Amino acid sequence: MSDCRVLVDAGVCKMKTLITAEANEIGLIELKIKSECPNILRMSWSLQPMSPYAEVEAEFHKSEIYRLANESIPHTACPVPCGMVKALEVAGDLGLKRECSVRFLADDEEVEIK
């Protein structure tokens, strides 16, 4: 298993969050969170080491990360929980480090989807 660091810039709130995902000696992933957002920090206090398989394969409403986000984050569009899941996935060797993004397009901008 490999450690993973993810930086999430949440957008209009301008708050950044650094997520560090590290495997412990028994293969559970520990998420360490540094954030400018008090809601993300409050959520991070409840994070426990978790199985990457169980979390990545969970239905959204059964995910521990999204359950904690539901309790602490008032803005459903916050991208930080997704960043936490992505970091956990990579640290658990279930995914590769590859950029992902949300990009707003101009009304007249053409996009080709294959």
PDB file of N, CA and C in Angstrom:
ATOM      1  N   MET A   1       0.848  -1.174   0.000  1.00  0.00           N
ATOM      2  CA  MET A   1       0.000   0.000   0.000  1.00  0.00           C
ATOM      3  C   MET A   1       0.889   1.231   0.000  1.00  0.00           C
ATOM      4  N   SER A   2       0.399   2.285  -0.631  1.00  0.00           N
ATOM      5  CA  SER A   2       1.211   3.489  -0.768  1.00  0.00           C
ATOM      6  C   SER A   2       0.491   4.693  -0.180  1.00  0.00           C
ATOM      7  N   ASP A   3       1.262   5.541   0.465  1.00  0.00           N
ATOM      8  CA  ASP A   3       0.693   6.758   1.028  1.00  0.00           C
ATOM      9  C   ASP A   3       0.241   7.676  -0.107  1.00  0.00           C
ATOM     10  N   CYS A   4      -0.701   8.540   0.203  1.00  0.00           N
ATOM     11  CA  CYS A   4      -1.259   9.434  -0.811  1.00  0.00           C
ATOM     12  C   CYS A   4      -1.594  10.763  -0.161  1.00  0.00           C
ATOM     13  N   ARG A   5      -1.273  11.858  -0.861  1.00  0.00           N
ATOM     14  CA  ARG A   5      -1.655  13.198  -0.409  1.00  0.00           C
ATOM     15  C   ARG A   5      -2.486  13.859  -1.496  1.00  0.00           C
ATOM     16  N   VAL A   6      -3.572  14.492  -1.082  1.00  0.00           N
ATOM     17  CA  VAL A   6      -4.486  15.157  -2.007  1.00  0.00           C
ATOM     18  C   VAL A   6      -4.767  16.558  -1.468  1.00  0.00           C
ATOM     19  N   LEU A   7      -4.689  17.548  -2.342  1.00  0.00           N
ATOM     20  CA  LEU A   7      -5.059  18.915  -1.982  1.00  0.00           C
ATOM     21  C   LEU A   7      -6.366  19.243  -2.685  1.00  0.00           C
ATOM     22  N   VAL A   8      -7.379  19.632  -1.914  1.00  0.00           N
ATOM     23  CA  VAL A   8      -8.677  20.001  -2.480  1.00  0.00           C
ATOM     24  C   VAL A   8      -8.886  21.499  -2.273  1.00  0.00           C
ATOM     25  N   ASP A   9      -9.090  22.197  -3.378  1.00  0.00           N
ATOM     26  CA  ASP A   9      -9.486  23.604  -3.340  1.00  0.00           C
ATOM     27  C   ASP A   9     -10.990  23.584  -3.564  1.00  0.00           C
ATOM     28  N   ALA A  10     -11.751  23.910  -2.537  1.00  0.00           N
ATOM     29  CA  ALA A  10     -13.200  23.716  -2.578  1.00  0.00           C
ATOM     30  C   ALA A  10     -13.944  24.699  -3.477  1.00  0.00           C
ATOM     31  N   GLY A  11     -13.281  25.697  -3.995  1.00  0.00           N
ATOM     32  CA  GLY A  11     -13.943  26.591  -4.945  1.00  0.00           C
ATOM     33  C   GLY A  11     -14.261  27.955  -4.383  1.00  0.00           C
ATOM     34  N   VAL A  12     -15.523  28.341  -4.475  1.00  0.00           N
ATOM     35  CA  VAL A  12     -15.926  29.706  -4.150  1.00  0.00           C
ATOM     36  C   VAL A  12     -15.631  30.078  -2.695  1.00  0.00           C
ATOM     37  N   CYS A  13     -15.637  29.121  -1.785  1.00  0.00           N
ATOM     38  CA  CYS A  13     -15.319  29.422  -0.378  1.00  0.00           C
ATOM     39  C   CYS A  13     -13.828  29.694  -0.193  1.00  0.00           C
ATOM     40  N   LYS A  14     -13.022  29.298  -1.168  1.00  0.00           N
ATOM     41  CA  LYS A  14     -11.567  29.505  -1.178  1.00  0.00           C
ATOM     42  C   LYS A  14     -10.835  28.764  -0.061  1.00  0.00           C
ATOM     43  N   MET A  15     -11.487  27.784   0.542  1.00  0.00           N
ATOM     44  CA  MET A  15     -10.846  27.024   1.619  1.00  0.00           C
ATOM     45  C   MET A  15     -10.180  25.773   1.046  1.00  0.00           C
ATOM     46  N   LYS A  16      -8.957  25.564   1.477  1.00  0.00           N
ATOM     47  CA  LYS A  16      -8.190  24.415   1.000  1.00  0.00           C
ATOM     48  C   LYS A  16      -8.119  23.353   2.094  1.00  0.00           C
ATOM     49  N   THR A  17      -8.035  22.097   1.657  1.00  0.00           N
ATOM     50  CA  THR A  17      -7.903  20.967   2.568  1.00  0.00           C
ATOM     51  C   THR A  17      -6.811  20.052   2.051  1.00  0.00           C
ATOM     52  N   LEU A  18      -5.887  19.687   2.928  1.00  0.00           N
ATOM     53  CA  LEU A  18      -4.848  18.715   2.619  1.00  0.00           C
ATOM     54  C   LEU A  18      -5.229  17.396   3.273  1.00  0.00           C
ATOM     55  N   ILE A  19      -5.348  16.358   2.460  1.00  0.00           N
ATOM     56  CA  ILE A  19      -5.715  15.024   2.928  1.00  0.00           C
ATOM     57  C   ILE A  19      -4.505  14.124   2.761  1.00  0.00           C
ATOM     58  N   THR A  20      -4.073  13.495   3.834  1.00  0.00           N
ATOM     59  CA  THR A  20      -2.986  12.519   3.769  1.00  0.00           C
ATOM     60  C   THR A  20      -3.561  11.173   4.174  1.00  0.00           C
ATOM     61  N   ALA A  21      -3.429  10.206   3.283  1.00  0.00           N
ATOM     62  CA  ALA A  21      -3.934   8.860   3.535  1.00  0.00           C
ATOM     63  C   ALA A  21      -2.745   7.921   3.684  1.00  0.00           C
ATOM     64  N   GLU A  22      -2.694   7.229   4.821  1.00  0.00           N
ATOM     65  CA  GLU A  22      -1.573   6.324   5.107  1.00  0.00           C
ATOM     66  C   GLU A  22      -2.103   4.986   5.593  1.00  0.00           C
ATOM     67  N   ALA A  23      -1.510   3.919   5.086  1.00  0.00           N
ATOM     68  CA  ALA A  23      -1.877   2.574   5.546  1.00  0.00           C
ATOM     69  C   ALA A  23      -1.184   2.295   6.871  1.00  0.00           C
ATOM     70  N   ASN A  24      -1.922   1.720   7.809  1.00  0.00           N
ATOM     71  CA  ASN A  24      -1.297   1.330   9.070  1.00  0.00           C
ATOM     72  C   ASN A  24      -0.798  -0.112   8.968  1.00  0.00           C
ATOM     73  N   GLU A  25      -0.286  -0.653  10.062  1.00  0.00           N
ATOM     74  CA  GLU A  25       0.347  -1.986  10.049  1.00  0.00           C
ATOM     75  C   GLU A  25      -0.616  -3.128   9.734  1.00  0.00           C
ATOM     76  N   ILE A  26      -1.920  -2.919   9.878  1.00  0.00           N
ATOM     77  CA  ILE A  26      -2.868  -3.999   9.570  1.00  0.00           C
ATOM     78  C   ILE A  26      -3.651  -3.735   8.281  1.00  0.00           C
ATOM     79  N   GLY A  27      -3.216  -2.731   7.506  1.00  0.00           N
ATOM     80  CA  GLY A  27      -3.824  -2.486   6.204  1.00  0.00           C
ATOM     81  C   GLY A  27      -5.016  -1.552   6.190  1.00  0.00           C
ATOM     82  N   LEU A  28      -5.357  -0.993   7.345  1.00  0.00           N
ATOM     83  CA  LEU A  28      -6.419   0.018   7.362  1.00  0.00           C
ATOM     84  C   LEU A  28      -5.812   1.361   6.974  1.00  0.00           C
ATOM     85  N   ILE A  29      -6.623   2.226   6.409  1.00  0.00           N
ATOM     86  CA  ILE A  29      -6.143   3.536   5.964  1.00  0.00           C
ATOM     87  C   ILE A  29      -6.541   4.595   6.979  1.00  0.00           C
ATOM     88  N   GLU A  30      -5.556   5.392   7.372  1.00  0.00           N
ATOM     89  CA  GLU A  30      -5.788   6.514   8.274  1.00  0.00           C
ATOM     90  C   GLU A  30      -5.752   7.799   7.452  1.00  0.00           C
ATOM     91  N   LEU A  31      -6.779   8.603   7.594  1.00  0.00           N
ATOM     92  CA  LEU A  31      -6.843   9.896   6.916  1.00  0.00           C
ATOM     93  C   LEU A  31      -6.468  10.989   7.900  1.00  0.00           C
ATOM     94  N   LYS A  32      -5.465  11.764   7.541  1.00  0.00           N
ATOM     95  CA  LYS A  32      -5.058  12.914   8.347  1.00  0.00           C
ATOM     96  C   LYS A  32      -5.456  14.156   7.566  1.00  0.00           C
ATOM     97  N   ILE A  33      -6.163  15.061   8.232  1.00  0.00           N
ATOM     98  CA  ILE A  33      -6.760  16.209   7.562  1.00  0.00           C
ATOM     99  C   ILE A  33      -6.219  17.512   8.143  1.00  0.00           C
ATOM    100  N   LYS A  34      -5.792  18.403   7.253  1.00  0.00           N
ATOM    101  CA  LYS A  34      -5.487  19.786   7.600  1.00  0.00           C
ATOM    102  C   LYS A  34      -6.396  20.624   6.714  1.00  0.00           C
ATOM    103  N   SER A  35      -7.172  21.514   7.313  1.00  0.00           N
ATOM    104  CA  SER A  35      -8.136  22.262   6.523  1.00  0.00           C
ATOM    105  C   SER A  35      -8.339  23.664   7.076  1.00  0.00           C
ATOM    106  N   GLU A  36      -8.664  24.563   6.169  1.00  0.00           N
ATOM    107  CA  GLU A  36      -9.055  25.914   6.545  1.00  0.00           C
ATOM    108  C   GLU A  36     -10.536  25.968   6.913  1.00  0.00           C
ATOM    109  N   CYS A  37     -11.261  24.888   6.649  1.00  0.00           N
ATOM    110  CA  CYS A  37     -12.704  24.858   6.882  1.00  0.00           C
ATOM    111  C   CYS A  37     -13.034  24.243   8.246  1.00  0.00           C
ATOM    112  N   PRO A  38     -13.743  24.963   9.101  1.00  0.00           N
ATOM    113  CA  PRO A  38     -14.098  24.412  10.405  1.00  0.00           C
ATOM    114  C   PRO A  38     -15.025  23.194  10.315  1.00  0.00           C
ATOM    115  N   ASN A  39     -15.851  23.132   9.281  1.00  0.00           N
ATOM    116  CA  ASN A  39     -16.746  21.985   9.124  1.00  0.00           C
ATOM    117  C   ASN A  39     -15.971  20.719   8.768  1.00  0.00           C
ATOM    118  N   ILE A  40     -14.986  20.854   7.891  1.00  0.00           N
ATOM    119  CA  ILE A  40     -14.144  19.709   7.524  1.00  0.00           C
ATOM    120  C   ILE A  40     -13.336  19.265   8.746  1.00  0.00           C
ATOM    121  N   LEU A  41     -12.815  20.196   9.504  1.00  0.00           N
ATOM    122  CA  LEU A  41     -12.069  19.837  10.714  1.00  0.00           C
ATOM    123  C   LEU A  41     -12.954  19.085  11.699  1.00  0.00           C
ATOM    124  N   ARG A  42     -14.170  19.567  11.896  1.00  0.00           N
ATOM    125  CA  ARG A  42     -15.105  18.894  12.802  1.00  0.00           C
ATOM    126  C   ARG A  42     -15.362  17.461  12.323  1.00  0.00           C
ATOM    127  N   MET A  43     -15.539  17.299  11.032  1.00  0.00           N
ATOM    128  CA  MET A  43     -15.737  15.957  10.470  1.00  0.00           C
ATOM    129  C   MET A  43     -14.517  15.080  10.720  1.00  0.00           C
ATOM    130  N   SER A  44     -13.325  15.640  10.545  1.00  0.00           N
ATOM    131  CA  SER A  44     -12.093  14.854  10.655  1.00  0.00           C
ATOM    132  C   SER A  44     -11.866  14.304  12.060  1.00  0.00           C
ATOM    133  N   TRP A  45     -12.423  14.953  13.072  1.00  0.00           N
ATOM    134  CA  TRP A  45     -12.244  14.473  14.449  1.00  0.00           C
ATOM    135  C   TRP A  45     -12.864  13.098  14.657  1.00  0.00           C
ATOM    136  N   SER A  46     -13.836  12.734  13.833  1.00  0.00           N
ATOM    137  CA  SER A  46     -14.521  11.445  13.981  1.00  0.00           C
ATOM    138  C   SER A  46     -13.973  10.356  13.066  1.00  0.00           C
ATOM    139  N   LEU A  47     -13.037  10.713  12.201  1.00  0.00           N
ATOM    140  CA  LEU A  47     -12.495   9.708  11.278  1.00  0.00           C
ATOM    141  C   LEU A  47     -11.668   8.662  12.028  1.00  0.00           C
ATOM    142  N   GLN A  48     -11.956   7.415  11.753  1.00  0.00           N
ATOM    143  CA  GLN A  48     -11.210   6.289  12.312  1.00  0.00           C
ATOM    144  C   GLN A  48     -10.529   5.553  11.154  1.00  0.00           C
ATOM    145  N   PRO A  49      -9.455   4.783  11.434  1.00  0.00           N
ATOM    146  CA  PRO A  49      -8.866   3.987  10.351  1.00  0.00           C
ATOM    147  C   PRO A  49      -9.942   3.110   9.711  1.00  0.00           C
ATOM    148  N   MET A  50      -9.905   3.003   8.381  1.00  0.00           N
ATOM    149  CA  MET A  50     -10.958   2.254   7.690  1.00  0.00           C
ATOM    150  C   MET A  50     -10.398   1.361   6.597  1.00  0.00           C
ATOM    151  N   SER A  51     -11.169   0.351   6.288  1.00  0.00           N
ATOM    152  CA  SER A  51     -10.820  -0.576   5.217  1.00  0.00           C
ATOM    153  C   SER A  51     -11.026   0.108   3.874  1.00  0.00           C
ATOM    154  N   PRO A  52      -9.998   0.142   3.032  1.00  0.00           N
ATOM    155  CA  PRO A  52     -10.197   0.774   1.731  1.00  0.00           C
ATOM    156  C   PRO A  52     -11.229   0.021   0.890  1.00  0.00           C
ATOM    157  N   TYR A  53     -11.259  -1.290   0.985  1.00  0.00           N
ATOM    158  CA  TYR A  53     -12.214  -2.083   0.205  1.00  0.00           C
ATOM    159  C   TYR A  53     -13.652  -1.761   0.618  1.00  0.00           C
ATOM    160  N   ALA A  54     -13.909  -1.786   1.913  1.00  0.00           N
ATOM    161  CA  ALA A  54     -15.269  -1.551   2.408  1.00  0.00           C
ATOM    162  C   ALA A  54     -15.740  -0.148   2.043  1.00  0.00           C
ATOM    163  N   GLU A  55     -14.866   0.845   2.149  1.00  0.00           N
ATOM    164  CA  GLU A  55     -15.278   2.227   1.906  1.00  0.00           C
ATOM    165  C   GLU A  55     -15.482   2.508   0.413  1.00  0.00           C
ATOM    166  N   VAL A  56     -14.562   2.050  -0.410  1.00  0.00           N
ATOM    167  CA  VAL A  56     -14.648   2.329  -1.842  1.00  0.00           C
ATOM    168  C   VAL A  56     -15.813   1.580  -2.489  1.00  0.00           C
ATOM    169  N   GLU A  57     -16.131   0.405  -1.975  1.00  0.00           N
ATOM    170  CA  GLU A  57     -17.213  -0.391  -2.554  1.00  0.00           C
ATOM    171  C   GLU A  57     -18.581  -0.102  -1.927  1.00  0.00           C
ATOM    172  N   ALA A  58     -18.616   0.730  -0.899  1.00  0.00           N
ATOM    173  CA  ALA A  58     -19.880   1.021  -0.209  1.00  0.00           C
ATOM    174  C   ALA A  58     -20.813   1.855  -1.078  1.00  0.00           C
ATOM    175  N   GLU A  59     -22.103   1.668  -0.879  1.00  0.00           N
ATOM    176  CA  GLU A  59     -23.069   2.565  -1.497  1.00  0.00           C
ATOM    177  C   GLU A  59     -22.877   3.941  -0.841  1.00  0.00           C
ATOM    178  N   PHE A  60     -23.198   5.002  -1.569  1.00  0.00           N
ATOM    179  CA  PHE A  60     -22.978   6.354  -1.043  1.00  0.00           C
ATOM    180  C   PHE A  60     -23.553   6.524   0.356  1.00  0.00           C
ATOM    181  N   HIS A  61     -24.770   6.106   0.566  1.00  0.00           N
ATOM    182  CA  HIS A  61     -25.421   6.337   1.854  1.00  0.00           C
ATOM    183  C   HIS A  61     -24.880   5.429   2.966  1.00  0.00           C
ATOM    184  N   LYS A  62     -24.036   4.472   2.598  1.00  0.00           N
ATOM    185  CA  LYS A  62     -23.431   3.594   3.601  1.00  0.00           C
ATOM    186  C   LYS A  62     -21.945   3.871   3.807  1.00  0.00           C
ATOM    187  N   SER A  63     -21.386   4.783   3.044  1.00  0.00           N
ATOM    188  CA  SER A  63     -19.980   5.162   3.168  1.00  0.00           C
ATOM    189  C   SER A  63     -19.762   5.900   4.488  1.00  0.00           C
ATOM    190  N   GLU A  64     -18.742   5.517   5.218  1.00  0.00           N
ATOM    191  CA  GLU A  64     -18.430   6.186   6.485  1.00  0.00           C
ATOM    192  C   GLU A  64     -18.045   7.643   6.235  1.00  0.00           C
ATOM    193  N   ILE A  65     -17.291   7.894   5.194  1.00  0.00           N
ATOM    194  CA  ILE A  65     -16.883   9.268   4.883  1.00  0.00           C
ATOM    195  C   ILE A  65     -18.101  10.132   4.583  1.00  0.00           C
ATOM    196  N   TYR A  66     -19.001   9.643   3.748  1.00  0.00           N
ATOM    197  CA  TYR A  66     -20.179  10.445   3.418  1.00  0.00           C
ATOM    198  C   TYR A  66     -21.160  10.539   4.591  1.00  0.00           C
ATOM    199  N   ARG A  67     -21.189   9.532   5.446  1.00  0.00           N
ATOM    200  CA  ARG A  67     -22.031   9.613   6.645  1.00  0.00           C
ATOM    201  C   ARG A  67     -21.538  10.742   7.552  1.00  0.00           C
ATOM    202  N   LEU A  68     -20.212  10.787   7.772  1.00  0.00           N
ATOM    203  CA  LEU A  68     -19.640  11.842   8.604  1.00  0.00           C
ATOM    204  C   LEU A  68     -19.801  13.220   7.947  1.00  0.00           C
ATOM    205  N   ALA A  69     -19.664  13.266   6.628  1.00  0.00           N
ATOM    206  CA  ALA A  69     -19.858  14.534   5.912  1.00  0.00           C
ATOM    207  C   ALA A  69     -21.284  15.029   6.101  1.00  0.00           C
ATOM    208  N   ASN A  70     -22.235  14.122   6.048  1.00  0.00           N
ATOM    209  CA  ASN A  70     -23.638  14.482   6.230  1.00  0.00           C
ATOM    210  C   ASN A  70     -23.883  15.110   7.604  1.00  0.00           C
ATOM    211  N   GLU A  71     -23.141  14.656   8.602  1.00  0.00           N
ATOM    212  CA  GLU A  71     -23.301  15.177   9.962  1.00  0.00           C
ATOM    213  C   GLU A  71     -22.606  16.520  10.183  1.00  0.00           C
ATOM    214  N   SER A  72     -21.557  16.815   9.388  1.00  0.00           N
ATOM    215  CA  SER A  72     -20.714  17.978   9.692  1.00  0.00           C
ATOM    216  C   SER A  72     -20.672  19.070   8.642  1.00  0.00           C
ATOM    217  N   ILE A  73     -20.951  18.726   7.394  1.00  0.00           N
ATOM    218  CA  ILE A  73     -20.770  19.692   6.305  1.00  0.00           C
ATOM    219  C   ILE A  73     -22.136  20.152   5.799  1.00  0.00           C
ATOM    220  N   PRO A  74     -22.438  21.452   5.923  1.00  0.00           N
ATOM    221  CA  PRO A  74     -23.751  21.940   5.525  1.00  0.00           C
ATOM    222  C   PRO A  74     -23.929  22.132   4.019  1.00  0.00           C
ATOM    223  N   HIS A  75     -22.861  21.982   3.243  1.00  0.00           N
ATOM    224  CA  HIS A  75     -22.921  22.259   1.812  1.00  0.00           C
ATOM    225  C   HIS A  75     -22.715  20.964   1.028  1.00  0.00           C
ATOM    226  N   THR A  76     -23.778  20.420   0.465  1.00  0.00           N
ATOM    227  CA  THR A  76     -23.748  19.132  -0.219  1.00  0.00           C
ATOM    228  C   THR A  76     -22.771  19.099  -1.387  1.00  0.00           C
ATOM    229  N   ALA A  77     -22.516  20.215  -2.022  1.00  0.00           N
ATOM    230  CA  ALA A  77     -21.628  20.255  -3.183  1.00  0.00           C
ATOM    231  C   ALA A  77     -20.143  20.289  -2.808  1.00  0.00           C
ATOM    232  N   CYS A  78     -19.815  20.246  -1.543  1.00  0.00           N
ATOM    233  CA  CYS A  78     -18.416  20.281  -1.110  1.00  0.00           C
ATOM    234  C   CYS A  78     -17.648  19.106  -1.729  1.00  0.00           C
ATOM    235  N   PRO A  79     -16.515  19.376  -2.402  1.00  0.00           N
ATOM    236  CA  PRO A  79     -15.747  18.310  -3.038  1.00  0.00           C
ATOM    237  C   PRO A  79     -14.786  17.576  -2.101  1.00  0.00           C
ATOM    238  N   VAL A  80     -14.648  18.021  -0.870  1.00  0.00           N
ATOM    239  CA  VAL A  80     -13.667  17.421   0.037  1.00  0.00           C
ATOM    240  C   VAL A  80     -13.957  15.952   0.352  1.00  0.00           C
ATOM    241  N   PRO A  81     -15.197  15.555   0.663  1.00  0.00           N
ATOM    242  CA  PRO A  81     -15.423  14.124   0.911  1.00  0.00           C
ATOM    243  C   PRO A  81     -15.006  13.235  -0.266  1.00  0.00           C
ATOM    244  N   CYS A  82     -15.264  13.679  -1.474  1.00  0.00           N
ATOM    245  CA  CYS A  82     -14.834  12.926  -2.651  1.00  0.00           C
ATOM    246  C   CYS A  82     -13.314  12.800  -2.664  1.00  0.00           C
ATOM    247  N   GLY A  83     -12.617  13.883  -2.338  1.00  0.00           N
ATOM    248  CA  GLY A  83     -11.156  13.850  -2.270  1.00  0.00           C
ATOM    249  C   GLY A  83     -10.662  12.864  -1.225  1.00  0.00           C
ATOM    250  N   MET A  84     -11.392  12.756  -0.117  1.00  0.00           N
ATOM    251  CA  MET A  84     -11.034  11.788   0.926  1.00  0.00           C
ATOM    252  C   MET A  84     -11.165  10.359   0.406  1.00  0.00           C
ATOM    253  N   VAL A  85     -12.253  10.088  -0.299  1.00  0.00           N
ATOM    254  CA  VAL A  85     -12.458   8.744  -0.851  1.00  0.00           C
ATOM    255  C   VAL A  85     -11.392   8.437  -1.890  1.00  0.00           C
ATOM    256  N   LYS A  86     -11.059   9.405  -2.740  1.00  0.00           N
ATOM    257  CA  LYS A  86     -10.026   9.187  -3.757  1.00  0.00           C
ATOM    258  C   LYS A  86      -8.674   8.907  -3.107  1.00  0.00           C
ATOM    259  N   ALA A  87      -8.324   9.647  -2.058  1.00  0.00           N
ATOM    260  CA  ALA A  87      -7.053   9.422  -1.367  1.00  0.00           C
ATOM    261  C   ALA A  87      -7.021   8.038  -0.727  1.00  0.00           C
ATOM    262  N   LEU A  88      -8.112   7.653  -0.094  1.00  0.00           N
ATOM    263  CA  LEU A  88      -8.224   6.339   0.534  1.00  0.00           C
ATOM    264  C   LEU A  88      -8.093   5.233  -0.519  1.00  0.00           C
ATOM    265  N   GLU A  89      -8.714   5.429  -1.665  1.00  0.00           N
ATOM    266  CA  GLU A  89      -8.659   4.459  -2.761  1.00  0.00           C
ATOM    267  C   GLU A  89      -7.222   4.240  -3.229  1.00  0.00           C
ATOM    268  N   VAL A  90      -6.479   5.318  -3.433  1.00  0.00           N
ATOM    269  CA  VAL A  90      -5.094   5.217  -3.895  1.00  0.00           C
ATOM    270  C   VAL A  90      -4.202   4.622  -2.814  1.00  0.00           C
ATOM    271  N   ALA A  91      -4.352   5.076  -1.579  1.00  0.00           N
ATOM    272  CA  ALA A  91      -3.524   4.547  -0.482  1.00  0.00           C
ATOM    273  C   ALA A  91      -3.781   3.067  -0.259  1.00  0.00           C
ATOM    274  N   GLY A  92      -4.974   2.596  -0.584  1.00  0.00           N
ATOM    275  CA  GLY A  92      -5.309   1.180  -0.448  1.00  0.00           C
ATOM    276  C   GLY A  92      -4.968   0.361  -1.676  1.00  0.00           C
ATOM    277  N   ASP A  93      -4.253   0.969  -2.629  1.00  0.00           N
ATOM    278  CA  ASP A  93      -3.861   0.319  -3.888  1.00  0.00           C
ATOM    279  C   ASP A  93      -5.061  -0.148  -4.707  1.00  0.00           C
ATOM    280  N   LEU A  94      -6.161   0.580  -4.619  1.00  0.00           N
ATOM    281  CA  LEU A  94      -7.360   0.256  -5.388  1.00  0.00           C
ATOM    282  C   LEU A  94      -7.575   1.220  -6.559  1.00  0.00           C
ATOM    283  N   GLY A  95      -6.695   2.193  -6.688  1.00  0.00           N
ATOM    284  CA  GLY A  95      -6.811   3.174  -7.759  1.00  0.00           C
ATOM    285  C   GLY A  95      -5.458   3.805  -8.023  1.00  0.00           C
ATOM    286  N   LEU A  96      -5.370   4.525  -9.119  1.00  0.00           N
ATOM    287  CA  LEU A  96      -4.129   5.181  -9.510  1.00  0.00           C
ATOM    288  C   LEU A  96      -4.222   6.680  -9.256  1.00  0.00           C
ATOM    289  N   LYS A  97      -3.072   7.295  -9.048  1.00  0.00           N
ATOM    290  CA  LYS A  97      -3.021   8.748  -8.888  1.00  0.00           C
ATOM    291  C   LYS A  97      -3.246   9.386 -10.258  1.00  0.00           C
ATOM    292  N   ARG A  98      -4.402   9.977 -10.424  1.00  0.00           N
ATOM    293  CA  ARG A  98      -4.712  10.667 -11.670  1.00  0.00           C
ATOM    294  C   ARG A  98      -5.607  11.854 -11.346  1.00  0.00           C
ATOM    295  N   GLU A  99      -5.269  12.994 -11.919  1.00  0.00           N
ATOM    296  CA  GLU A  99      -6.028  14.218 -11.677  1.00  0.00           C
ATOM    297  C   GLU A  99      -7.497  14.033 -12.039  1.00  0.00           C
ATOM    298  N   CYS A 100      -8.347  14.657 -11.270  1.00  0.00           N
ATOM    299  CA  CYS A 100      -9.761  14.741 -11.618  1.00  0.00           C
ATOM    300  C   CYS A 100     -10.178  16.183 -11.341  1.00  0.00           C
ATOM    301  N   SER A 101     -11.260  16.613 -11.951  1.00  0.00           N
ATOM    302  CA  SER A 101     -11.630  18.017 -11.784  1.00  0.00           C
ATOM    303  C   SER A 101     -13.107  18.242 -12.075  1.00  0.00           C
ATOM    304  N   VAL A 102     -13.564  19.398 -11.649  1.00  0.00           N
ATOM    305  CA  VAL A 102     -14.865  19.930 -12.030  1.00  0.00           C
ATOM    306  C   VAL A 102     -14.548  21.256 -12.689  1.00  0.00           C
ATOM    307  N   ARG A 103     -14.972  21.437 -13.912  1.00  0.00           N
ATOM    308  CA  ARG A 103     -14.652  22.664 -14.635  1.00  0.00           C
ATOM    309  C   ARG A 103     -15.929  23.286 -15.174  1.00  0.00           C
ATOM    310  N   PHE A 104     -16.108  24.554 -14.933  1.00  0.00           N
ATOM    311  CA  PHE A 104     -17.264  25.266 -15.454  1.00  0.00           C
ATOM    312  C   PHE A 104     -16.951  25.759 -16.867  1.00  0.00           C
ATOM    313  N   LEU A 105     -17.904  25.569 -17.769  1.00  0.00           N
ATOM    314  CA  LEU A 105     -17.724  25.932 -19.168  1.00  0.00           C
ATOM    315  C   LEU A 105     -18.484  27.206 -19.504  1.00  0.00           C
ATOM    316  N   ALA A 106     -17.937  27.938 -20.468  1.00  0.00           N
ATOM    317  CA  ALA A 106     -18.657  29.092 -21.004  1.00  0.00           C
ATOM    318  C   ALA A 106     -19.879  28.569 -21.758  1.00  0.00           C
ATOM    319  N   ASP A 107     -20.928  29.360 -21.819  1.00  0.00           N
ATOM    320  CA  ASP A 107     -22.168  28.938 -22.474  1.00  0.00           C
ATOM    321  C   ASP A 107     -21.946  28.482 -23.916  1.00  0.00           C
ATOM    322  N   ASP A 108     -20.982  29.092 -24.603  1.00  0.00           N
ATOM    323  CA  ASP A 108     -20.758  28.774 -26.018  1.00  0.00           C
ATOM    324  C   ASP A 108     -19.569  27.830 -26.234  1.00  0.00           C
ATOM    325  N   GLU A 109     -18.998  27.310 -25.178  1.00  0.00           N
ATOM    326  CA  GLU A 109     -17.832  26.427 -25.306  1.00  0.00           C
ATOM    327  C   GLU A 109     -18.267  25.034 -25.747  1.00  0.00           C
ATOM    328  N   GLU A 110     -17.624  24.548 -26.787  1.00  0.00           N
ATOM    329  CA  GLU A 110     -17.906  23.218 -27.326  1.00  0.00           C
ATOM    330  C   GLU A 110     -17.047  22.172 -26.620  1.00  0.00           C
ATOM    331  N   VAL A 111     -17.642  21.023 -26.342  1.00  0.00           N
ATOM    332  CA  VAL A 111     -16.918  19.924 -25.710  1.00  0.00           C
ATOM    333  C   VAL A 111     -17.263  18.640 -26.451  1.00  0.00           C
ATOM    334  N   GLU A 112     -16.237  17.864 -26.769  1.00  0.00           N
ATOM    335  CA  GLU A 112     -16.459  16.591 -27.439  1.00  0.00           C
ATOM    336  C   GLU A 112     -16.404  15.473 -26.391  1.00  0.00           C
ATOM    337  N   ILE A 113     -17.450  14.693 -26.319  1.00  0.00           N
ATOM    338  CA  ILE A 113     -17.509  13.541 -25.425  1.00  0.00           C
ATOM    339  C   ILE A 113     -17.474  12.297 -26.302  1.00  0.00           C
ATOM    340  N   LYS A 114     -16.494  11.454 -26.088  1.00  0.00           N
ATOM    341  CA  LYS A 114     -16.347  10.243 -26.924  1.00  0.00           C
ATOM    342  C   LYS A 114     -17.109   9.087 -26.327  1.00  0.00           C
TER     343      LYS A 114
END
